[in-house]
C-alpha atoms as a PDB file:
ATOM      1  CA  UNK A   1      36.808 -80.433  -2.304  1.00  0.00           C
ATOM      2  CA  UNK A   2      35.193 -78.411   0.287  1.00  0.00           C
ATOM      3  CA  UNK A   3      33.961 -79.586   3.975  1.00  0.00           C
ATOM      4  CA  UNK A   4      30.427 -80.654   4.065  1.00  0.00           C
ATOM      5  CA  UNK A   5      27.877 -77.694   4.417  1.00  0.00           C
ATOM      6  CA  UNK A   6      25.660 -79.419   6.903  1.00  0.00           C
ATOM      7  CA  UNK A   7      25.536 -82.330   9.413  1.00  0.00           C
ATOM      8  CA  UNK A   8      28.652 -83.242  11.778  1.00  0.00           C
ATOM      9  CA  UNK A   9      31.877 -82.727  10.484  1.00  0.00           C
ATOM     10  CA  UNK A  10      35.044 -84.870  11.838  1.00  0.00           C
ATOM     11  CA  UNK A  11      38.061 -82.835  12.510  1.00  0.00           C
ATOM     12  CA  UNK A  12      39.809 -85.841  10.201  1.00  0.00           C
ATOM     13  CA  UNK A  13      37.545 -84.525   7.446  1.00  0.00           C
ATOM     14  CA  UNK A  14      38.867 -80.994   8.192  1.00  0.00           C
ATOM     15  CA  UNK A  15      42.463 -82.069   8.078  1.00  0.00           C
ATOM     16  CA  UNK A  16      41.412 -83.876   4.923  1.00  0.00           C
ATOM     17  CA  UNK A  17      40.577 -80.628   2.790  1.00  0.00           C
ATOM     18  CA  UNK A  18      43.009 -78.295   4.609  1.00  0.00           C
ATOM     19  CA  UNK A  19      45.888 -80.673   5.334  1.00  0.00           C
ATOM     20  CA  UNK A  20      47.273 -78.472   8.215  1.00  0.00           C
ATOM     21  CA  UNK A  21      47.168 -81.270  11.035  1.00  0.00           C
ATOM     22  CA  UNK A  22      45.048 -82.548  13.988  1.00  0.00           C
ATOM     23  CA  UNK A  23      45.112 -79.191  16.328  1.00  0.00           C
ATOM     24  CA  UNK A  24      42.651 -75.996  16.004  1.00  0.00           C
ATOM     25  CA  UNK A  25      45.775 -73.787  16.502  1.00  0.00           C
ATOM     26  CA  UNK A  26      47.447 -74.888  13.059  1.00  0.00           C
ATOM     27  CA  UNK A  27      44.306 -73.081  11.682  1.00  0.00           C
ATOM     28  CA  UNK A  28      45.149 -69.681  13.362  1.00  0.00           C
ATOM     29  CA  UNK A  29      45.261 -66.674  10.820  1.00  0.00           C
ATOM     30  CA  UNK A  30      45.408 -69.441   7.791  1.00  0.00           C
ATOM     31  CA  UNK A  31      42.953 -68.379   4.910  1.00  0.00           C
ATOM     32  CA  UNK A  32      39.820 -70.015   4.155  1.00  0.00           C
ATOM     33  CA  UNK A  33      37.602 -69.349   0.971  1.00  0.00           C
ATOM     34  CA  UNK A  34      33.522 -70.389   0.617  1.00  0.00           C
ATOM     35  CA  UNK A  35      31.217 -69.843  -2.093  1.00  0.00           C
ATOM     36  CA  UNK A  36      28.639 -66.981  -1.577  1.00  0.00           C
ATOM     37  CA  UNK A  37      25.787 -67.535  -4.358  1.00  0.00           C
ATOM     38  CA  UNK A  38      25.833 -63.542  -4.093  1.00  0.00           C
ATOM     39  CA  UNK A  39      29.035 -62.539  -4.287  1.00  0.00           C
ATOM     40  CA  UNK A  40      31.043 -65.512  -5.637  1.00  0.00           C
ATOM     41  CA  UNK A  41      34.362 -66.751  -4.190  1.00  0.00           C
ATOM     42  CA  UNK A  42      34.846 -65.055  -0.855  1.00  0.00           C
ATOM     43  CA  UNK A  43      37.876 -65.772   1.867  1.00  0.00           C
ATOM     44  CA  UNK A  44      38.898 -64.605   5.194  1.00  0.00           C
ATOM     45  CA  UNK A  45      40.829 -65.950   7.755  1.00  0.00           C
ATOM     46  CA  UNK A  46      40.707 -68.287  10.921  1.00  0.00           C
ATOM     47  CA  UNK A  47      40.488 -66.256  13.867  1.00  0.00           C
ATOM     48  CA  UNK A  48      42.827 -66.318  16.665  1.00  0.00           C
ATOM     49  CA  UNK A  49      41.112 -68.082  19.273  1.00  0.00           C
ATOM     50  CA  UNK A  50      38.206 -70.034  20.246  1.00  0.00           C
ATOM     51  CA  UNK A  51      36.452 -70.467  16.820  1.00  0.00           C
ATOM     52  CA  UNK A  52      33.673 -73.127  16.367  1.00  0.00           C
ATOM     53  CA  UNK A  53      33.794 -76.129  14.442  1.00  0.00           C
ATOM     54  CA  UNK A  54      30.680 -74.551  12.435  1.00  0.00           C
ATOM     55  CA  UNK A  55      32.926 -72.068  10.800  1.00  0.00           C
ATOM     56  CA  UNK A  56      34.658 -74.613   8.603  1.00  0.00           C
ATOM     57  CA  UNK A  57      31.184 -75.860   7.041  1.00  0.00           C
ATOM     58  CA  UNK A  58      31.868 -75.603   3.230  1.00  0.00           C
ATOM     59  CA  UNK A  59      35.071 -73.931   3.536  1.00  0.00           C
ATOM     60  CA  UNK A  60      38.077 -74.916   1.300  1.00  0.00           C
ATOM     61  CA  UNK A  61      41.905 -74.178   1.696  1.00  0.00           C
ATOM     62  CA  UNK A  62      41.953 -73.146  -1.968  1.00  0.00           C
ATOM     63  CA  UNK A  63      39.645 -71.333  -4.276  1.00  0.00           C
ATOM     64  CA  UNK A  64      38.138 -74.680  -5.705  1.00  0.00           C
ATOM     65  CA  UNK A  65      34.996 -72.397  -7.441  1.00  0.00           C
ATOM     66  CA  UNK A  66      37.386 -70.496  -9.440  1.00  0.00           C
ATOM     67  CA  UNK A  67      38.516 -72.692 -12.486  1.00  0.00           C
ATOM     68  CA  UNK A  68      41.009 -70.221 -14.051  1.00  0.00           C
ATOM     69  CA  UNK A  69      43.166 -71.065 -10.762  1.00  0.00           C
ATOM     70  CA  UNK A  70      46.135 -73.108 -10.636  1.00  0.00           C
ATOM     71  CA  UNK A  71      44.559 -75.426  -8.306  1.00  0.00           C
ATOM     72  CA  UNK A  72      42.801 -78.962  -8.404  1.00  0.00           C
ATOM     73  CA  UNK A  73      39.520 -77.238  -9.320  1.00  0.00           C
ATOM     74  CA  UNK A  74      36.074 -79.136  -9.032  1.00  0.00           C
ATOM     75  CA  UNK A  75      35.838 -78.181 -13.077  1.00  0.00           C
ATOM     76  CA  UNK A  76      39.004 -79.975 -13.719  1.00  0.00           C
ATOM     77  CA  UNK A  77      40.898 -77.644 -14.789  1.00  0.00           C
END
């Protein structure tokens, strides 16, 4: 499950998706993934400081869009 793409997002939702805890500092340097309709699954790292909550929109802590992965994918594989 990814963080919702719009609307208000509580930090408890972010933690339930990523599982790194309740402090923003726990996310620094961690990879996140999102689906770009033009390029497919993309990834990046959270920056070292002062990033906005909007960076979490539509993201996940794993590549849930690639059903060949060894994670809990949206397609159920």
